[in-house]
Amino acid sequence: MSKFIYSLNTSMRLDVYVKERFEDLSRSRVGALIKDGKITVNGKQVKAGYPLTHGDEIVVEIPEEVPLEIKAAPIPLDVIYEDHDVIVVNKPRGMVVHPAPGNEDHTLVNALLAHCDDLSGINGVIRPGIVHRIDKDTSGLLLVAKNDKAHTALAEQLKEHSIHRAYQAIVCGSVAEPQGIVDCPIGRHPVDRKKRAVTPKNSKPAVTHYRVLERFPDFSPDYTLIEARLETGRTHQIRVHMKYIGHPLLGDPLYGKGDKNPFRLMGQALHAGEIGFVHPTTGAYLEFSVEPPEEIKKILRELRKSH
């Protein structure tokens, strides 16, 4: 247990102050500790954004983390491409990418460990080989590194925004323009920590390119099928940006329109249909594509009947 007396004359958020004191703790870990009452101010539990004032007593208790035991599981994998350096998999809707407390098995990582022994270790035992992620209810293509050299090269391509990632999404309403760019920073939602939002505070640049593939104006309510291409890769980026311009994704439990979903789709109608990258060893450009899952195809067939 650590105890501090806030001695500055200017106010600072509690989570920012604790993060500066404990550099090895992530921002999300600090937030979780505050939410669990492990970080208090003047003996009371407060929120992460609590403004500290001179003389405040901050007590920080950091429980020892119990490491997750990640086990291989013989879960079927839809492998689109594989060689000595990379694997491209088609992740189904409903599958979490990597284990986390409370969700230790039946993830893509558990399946990958059963599929092969050689995965990069850059992201540790929790996320071996995972170069990038997609949400649980987002289906589609994921790139996995089988060694550290490949992982480093692919991560650099992500940083340079040179990996091609295109998604298909069904959004609510009729998107007026045939194409557009949403260039708005994304950060943690100021109230709901499960969400992200377009906000100028504690945010990072985020750019999404979109174009209309098909409109369904005769269906009530109306919907639009779009292609979205990521220039950056922020958490929930497409979901947040489309919500921001007034067209949330069909079925989105966080950013959507709640029970106004005539198709009873559980989770957002979002599919990572294309991925392209430069191979880390050969230097050749590789690109792969997969069709949306049957749940989304079924909805599209029903929407097209309305024409």
Protein backbone atom coordinates (compact mmCIF):
# COMPACT_ATOMS: atom_id res chain seq x y z
CA MET A 1 0.00 0.00 0.00
CA SER A 2 1.31 3.46 -0.95
CA LYS A 3 0.23 6.80 0.50
CA PHE A 4 0.75 10.27 -1.03
CA ILE A 5 -0.16 13.83 -0.09
CA TYR A 6 -1.03 15.92 -3.14
CA SER A 7 1.21 18.98 -2.88
CA LEU A 8 0.56 20.83 -6.13
CA ASN A 9 -1.36 24.11 -6.23
CA THR A 10 -2.94 23.25 -9.59
CA SER A 11 -5.61 20.57 -9.97
CA MET A 12 -4.92 17.24 -11.69
CA ARG A 13 -7.18 14.28 -12.42
CA LEU A 14 -6.73 11.40 -9.99
CA ASP A 15 -6.08 8.80 -12.71
CA VAL A 16 -3.51 11.03 -14.43
CA TYR A 17 -1.69 11.65 -11.15
CA VAL A 18 -1.56 7.95 -10.23
CA LYS A 19 -0.42 7.01 -13.73
CA GLU A 20 2.49 9.46 -13.43
CA ARG A 21 3.46 7.92 -10.09
CA PHE A 22 3.20 4.33 -11.34
CA GLU A 23 4.54 4.32 -14.89
CA ASP A 24 4.28 0.53 -15.20
CA LEU A 25 0.50 0.66 -14.74
CA SER A 26 -1.63 1.18 -17.83
CA ARG A 27 -4.32 3.86 -17.88
CA SER A 28 -7.02 1.17 -18.02
CA ARG A 29 -5.47 -0.65 -15.04
CA VAL A 30 -5.46 2.58 -13.01
CA GLY A 31 -9.11 3.15 -13.93
CA ALA A 32 -10.03 -0.37 -12.86
CA LEU A 33 -8.27 0.06 -9.50
CA ILE A 34 -10.13 3.32 -8.88
CA LYS A 35 -13.44 1.71 -9.81
CA ASP A 36 -12.73 -1.21 -7.45
CA GLY A 37 -11.98 1.13 -4.54
CA LYS A 38 -8.30 0.24 -4.43
CA ILE A 39 -7.36 3.90 -4.93
CA THR A 40 -9.02 6.36 -2.55
CA VAL A 41 -8.83 10.07 -1.77
CA ASN A 42 -9.14 11.18 1.85
CA GLY A 43 -10.45 7.74 2.74
CA LYS A 44 -13.29 7.85 0.19
CA GLN A 45 -13.87 6.13 -3.14
CA VAL A 46 -14.07 8.65 -5.99
CA LYS A 47 -14.17 8.59 -9.78
CA ALA A 48 -11.17 8.50 -12.10
CA GLY A 49 -11.68 12.13 -13.11
CA TYR A 50 -11.76 13.43 -9.53
CA PRO A 51 -9.90 16.78 -9.45
CA LEU A 52 -7.20 16.66 -6.80
CA THR A 53 -6.53 19.68 -4.60
CA HIS A 54 -3.61 20.64 -2.37
CA GLY A 55 -3.49 18.47 0.76
CA ASP A 56 -5.53 15.53 -0.56
CA GLU A 57 -4.37 12.16 0.76
CA ILE A 58 -4.21 9.47 -1.93
CA VAL A 59 -3.93 5.82 -0.90
CA VAL A 60 -3.04 3.28 -3.60
CA GLU A 61 -3.39 -0.46 -3.04
CA ILE A 62 -2.24 -2.63 -5.92
CA PRO A 63 -3.31 -6.28 -5.52
CA GLU A 64 -0.90 -8.85 -6.88
CA GLU A 65 -2.15 -9.93 -10.28
CA VAL A 66 -2.78 -13.65 -10.70
CA PRO A 67 -1.34 -14.61 -14.08
CA LEU A 68 -3.74 -16.26 -16.47
CA GLU A 69 -2.93 -19.80 -17.49
CA ILE A 70 -3.49 -19.85 -21.22
CA LYS A 71 -4.36 -23.31 -22.52
CA ALA A 72 -4.50 -24.61 -26.04
CA ALA A 73 -7.98 -25.66 -27.15
CA PRO A 74 -8.92 -27.70 -30.23
CA ILE A 75 -11.26 -25.05 -31.62
CA PRO A 76 -11.73 -25.11 -35.42
CA LEU A 77 -9.92 -22.31 -37.24
CA ASP A 78 -10.73 -20.92 -40.68
CA VAL A 79 -7.15 -20.40 -41.91
CA ILE A 80 -7.09 -18.37 -45.12
CA TYR A 81 -3.29 -18.32 -45.51
CA GLU A 82 -0.28 -19.62 -43.58
CA ASP A 83 3.48 -19.85 -44.01
CA HIS A 84 6.54 -19.78 -41.73
CA ASP A 85 5.96 -16.13 -40.75
CA VAL A 86 2.26 -15.30 -40.78
CA ILE A 87 -1.24 -16.70 -40.47
CA VAL A 88 -4.35 -15.01 -41.83
CA VAL A 89 -7.51 -16.28 -40.13
CA ASN A 90 -11.20 -15.59 -40.65
CA LYS A 91 -12.53 -14.98 -37.12
CA PRO A 92 -16.20 -15.85 -36.58
CA ARG A 93 -18.70 -13.56 -34.91
CA GLY A 94 -18.89 -14.12 -31.17
CA MET A 95 -15.25 -15.17 -30.68
CA VAL A 96 -13.01 -13.04 -28.44
CA VAL A 97 -9.49 -12.54 -29.80
CA HIS A 98 -7.46 -13.11 -26.62
CA PRO A 99 -8.05 -14.24 -23.02
CA ALA A 100 -8.81 -11.80 -20.22
CA PRO A 101 -9.94 -12.22 -16.60
CA GLY A 102 -13.37 -13.82 -16.67
CA ASN A 103 -12.88 -14.98 -20.25
CA GLU A 104 -9.90 -17.32 -20.18
CA ASP A 105 -10.80 -19.85 -22.85
CA HIS A 106 -12.60 -20.37 -26.18
CA THR A 107 -10.72 -17.40 -27.63
CA LEU A 108 -8.83 -17.13 -30.90
CA VAL A 109 -5.54 -17.35 -28.99
CA ASN A 110 -6.58 -20.65 -27.38
CA ALA A 111 -7.34 -21.99 -30.86
CA LEU A 112 -4.05 -20.67 -32.29
CA LEU A 113 -2.03 -22.36 -29.54
CA ALA A 114 -3.59 -25.69 -30.50
CA HIS A 115 -3.00 -25.01 -34.19
CA CYS A 116 0.73 -24.23 -34.01
CA ASP A 117 3.59 -23.96 -31.52
CA ASP A 118 5.43 -21.05 -33.12
CA LEU A 119 3.74 -17.73 -32.32
CA SER A 120 5.55 -14.48 -31.64
CA GLY A 121 6.07 -13.56 -28.01
CA ILE A 122 6.16 -9.77 -28.34
CA ASN A 123 2.74 -9.31 -26.70
CA GLY A 124 3.41 -11.85 -23.93
CA VAL A 125 1.55 -15.01 -22.99
CA ILE A 126 -1.91 -13.39 -23.17
CA ARG A 127 -1.69 -12.23 -26.79
CA PRO A 128 0.91 -14.40 -28.56
CA GLY A 129 1.13 -13.54 -32.24
CA ILE A 130 -1.69 -10.99 -32.13
CA VAL A 131 -0.72 -8.04 -34.34
CA HIS A 132 -4.12 -6.30 -34.27
CA ARG A 133 -7.60 -7.05 -32.92
CA ILE A 134 -11.23 -6.89 -33.93
CA ASP A 135 -14.20 -6.86 -31.57
CA LYS A 136 -15.91 -10.02 -30.35
CA ASP A 137 -18.98 -9.58 -32.57
CA THR A 138 -17.01 -8.36 -35.59
CA SER A 139 -16.21 -11.15 -38.03
CA GLY A 140 -13.44 -11.37 -40.55
CA LEU A 141 -9.74 -11.30 -41.26
CA LEU A 142 -7.01 -11.09 -38.66
CA LEU A 143 -3.25 -11.12 -39.18
CA VAL A 144 -1.17 -13.26 -36.80
CA ALA A 145 2.65 -13.30 -36.52
CA LYS A 146 4.47 -16.61 -36.00
CA ASN A 147 7.79 -15.08 -34.88
CA ASP A 148 9.07 -11.85 -33.37
CA LYS A 149 10.76 -10.66 -36.56
CA ALA A 150 7.51 -10.92 -38.51
CA HIS A 151 5.58 -9.29 -35.66
CA THR A 152 7.92 -6.30 -35.55
CA ALA A 153 7.70 -5.78 -39.31
CA LEU A 154 3.90 -6.03 -39.39
CA ALA A 155 3.52 -3.76 -36.36
CA GLU A 156 5.63 -1.15 -38.16
CA GLN A 157 3.29 -1.35 -41.16
CA LEU A 158 0.35 -0.78 -38.84
CA LYS A 159 2.10 2.23 -37.34
CA GLU A 160 2.73 3.64 -40.81
CA HIS A 161 -0.93 2.98 -41.80
CA SER A 162 0.25 0.92 -44.78
CA ILE A 163 -1.77 -2.24 -44.02
CA HIS A 164 -4.95 -2.30 -46.10
CA ARG A 165 -8.04 -3.06 -43.97
CA ALA A 166 -11.50 -2.78 -45.46
CA TYR A 167 -14.75 -3.59 -43.66
CA GLN A 168 -18.36 -4.04 -44.72
CA ALA A 169 -21.01 -2.64 -42.40
CA ILE A 170 -24.77 -2.23 -42.43
CA VAL A 171 -25.59 1.16 -40.93
CA CYS A 172 -28.87 2.73 -39.88
CA GLY A 173 -30.40 5.36 -42.15
CA SER A 174 -29.63 6.39 -45.71
CA VAL A 175 -26.09 7.73 -46.08
CA ALA A 176 -26.51 10.73 -48.37
CA GLU A 177 -23.03 11.14 -49.83
CA PRO A 178 -21.57 8.38 -52.03
CA GLN A 179 -18.32 8.53 -50.05
CA GLY A 180 -16.65 10.49 -47.29
CA ILE A 181 -13.92 10.76 -44.68
CA VAL A 182 -14.43 11.00 -40.93
CA ASP A 183 -11.32 12.63 -39.46
CA CYS A 184 -12.16 13.01 -35.76
CA PRO A 185 -10.08 12.09 -32.69
CA ILE A 186 -11.27 9.21 -30.51
CA GLY A 187 -10.75 8.81 -26.78
CA ARG A 188 -12.37 7.30 -23.71
CA HIS A 189 -16.02 8.27 -23.27
CA PRO A 190 -16.24 10.95 -20.55
CA VAL A 191 -18.97 9.07 -18.64
CA ASP A 192 -19.18 5.42 -19.76
CA ARG A 193 -15.76 3.76 -19.56
CA LYS A 194 -16.90 0.86 -21.75
CA LYS A 195 -17.33 3.28 -24.63
CA ARG A 196 -15.12 5.41 -26.84
CA ALA A 197 -16.22 8.78 -28.20
CA VAL A 198 -15.18 11.61 -30.51
CA THR A 199 -13.64 13.95 -27.98
CA PRO A 200 -10.79 16.49 -27.86
CA LYS A 201 -9.68 15.28 -24.41
CA ASN A 202 -7.20 12.41 -23.96
CA SER A 203 -7.85 11.31 -27.54
CA LYS A 204 -5.80 10.10 -30.50
CA PRO A 205 -6.17 10.93 -34.20
CA ALA A 206 -8.61 8.65 -36.01
CA VAL A 207 -9.44 8.59 -39.73
CA THR A 208 -12.07 6.41 -41.43
CA HIS A 209 -12.78 6.42 -45.17
CA TYR A 210 -16.20 5.15 -46.22
CA ARG A 211 -18.16 4.66 -49.41
CA VAL A 212 -21.71 3.54 -50.09
CA LEU A 213 -22.07 0.08 -51.61
CA GLU A 214 -25.85 -0.24 -51.55
CA ARG A 215 -28.85 1.66 -50.19
CA PHE A 216 -32.13 0.16 -49.00
CA PRO A 217 -34.56 3.10 -48.95
CA ASP A 218 -37.68 0.93 -49.43
CA PHE A 219 -37.13 -0.95 -46.18
CA SER A 220 -38.59 0.64 -43.05
CA PRO A 221 -36.50 1.84 -41.32
CA ASP A 222 -33.94 2.33 -44.08
CA TYR A 223 -30.38 1.05 -44.04
CA THR A 224 -27.16 1.43 -46.04
CA LEU A 225 -24.40 -1.06 -46.80
CA ILE A 226 -21.03 0.67 -46.72
CA GLU A 227 -17.38 -0.17 -47.07
CA ALA A 228 -15.17 1.41 -44.41
CA ARG A 229 -11.39 1.59 -44.74
CA LEU A 230 -9.23 2.26 -41.71
CA GLU A 231 -6.38 4.71 -41.92
CA THR A 232 -5.85 4.41 -38.16
CA GLY A 233 -6.88 1.62 -35.80
CA ARG A 234 -8.51 2.99 -32.67
CA THR A 235 -10.74 0.89 -30.43
CA HIS A 236 -14.31 0.76 -31.86
CA GLN A 237 -13.22 3.24 -34.54
CA ILE A 238 -15.78 2.45 -37.26
CA ARG A 239 -18.57 2.07 -34.71
CA VAL A 240 -17.76 5.41 -33.07
CA HIS A 241 -17.25 7.35 -36.30
CA MET A 242 -20.45 6.10 -37.95
CA LYS A 243 -22.39 6.90 -34.78
CA TYR A 244 -20.83 10.36 -34.80
CA ILE A 245 -22.09 11.14 -38.32
CA GLY A 246 -25.57 9.87 -37.45
CA HIS A 247 -25.41 6.34 -38.88
CA PRO A 248 -24.73 3.82 -36.10
CA LEU A 249 -24.18 0.21 -37.07
CA LEU A 250 -27.15 -2.14 -37.14
CA GLY A 251 -27.26 -4.24 -33.96
CA ASP A 252 -24.52 -2.32 -32.16
CA PRO A 253 -25.16 -2.81 -28.41
CA LEU A 254 -22.99 0.16 -27.36
CA TYR A 255 -23.50 2.77 -30.05
CA GLY A 256 -26.65 1.60 -31.82
CA LYS A 257 -30.36 2.19 -31.50
CA GLY A 258 -31.09 -0.43 -28.86
CA ASP A 259 -34.15 -2.60 -29.47
CA LYS A 260 -35.00 -0.92 -32.81
CA ASN A 261 -33.43 -3.88 -34.58
CA PRO A 262 -35.95 -5.79 -36.72
CA PHE A 263 -33.44 -8.56 -37.52
CA ARG A 264 -32.67 -9.49 -33.89
CA LEU A 265 -28.97 -9.38 -34.70
CA MET A 266 -26.85 -9.79 -31.58
CA GLY A 267 -23.88 -7.49 -31.99
CA GLN A 268 -22.88 -5.01 -34.68
CA ALA A 269 -23.21 -5.83 -38.39
CA LEU A 270 -19.51 -5.37 -39.14
CA HIS A 271 -17.22 -7.64 -41.15
CA ALA A 272 -13.47 -7.29 -41.77
CA GLY A 273 -13.63 -8.43 -45.39
CA GLU A 274 -10.21 -7.45 -46.77
CA ILE A 275 -6.65 -7.27 -45.52
CA GLY A 276 -3.47 -6.52 -47.45
CA PHE A 277 0.15 -6.24 -46.28
CA VAL A 278 3.75 -6.57 -47.35
CA HIS A 279 5.12 -9.96 -46.39
CA PRO A 280 7.78 -9.47 -43.67
CA THR A 281 10.28 -11.84 -45.31
CA THR A 282 9.62 -11.95 -49.06
CA GLY A 283 8.58 -8.32 -49.48
CA ALA A 284 5.66 -9.38 -51.68
CA TYR A 285 2.32 -7.65 -51.28
CA LEU A 286 -0.40 -10.09 -50.22
CA GLU A 287 -4.11 -9.35 -50.10
CA PHE A 288 -6.98 -11.56 -48.98
CA SER A 289 -10.75 -11.24 -48.86
CA VAL A 290 -13.62 -13.24 -47.36
CA GLU A 291 -17.38 -12.95 -47.64
CA PRO A 292 -19.51 -11.87 -44.66
CA PRO A 293 -20.92 -14.59 -42.39
CA GLU A 294 -24.35 -16.08 -43.02
CA GLU A 295 -26.02 -13.88 -40.36
CA ILE A 296 -25.12 -10.74 -42.33
CA LYS A 297 -25.84 -12.32 -45.71
CA LYS A 298 -29.32 -13.26 -44.51
CA ILE A 299 -30.03 -9.66 -43.50
CA LEU A 300 -28.79 -8.36 -46.86
CA ARG A 301 -31.06 -10.81 -48.71
CA GLU A 302 -34.03 -9.58 -46.68
CA LEU A 303 -33.15 -5.94 -47.32
CA ARG A 304 -32.82 -6.55 -51.06
CA LYS A 305 -36.29 -8.08 -51.18
CA SER A 306 -37.69 -4.64 -50.38
CA HIS A 307 -36.52 -3.17 -53.71
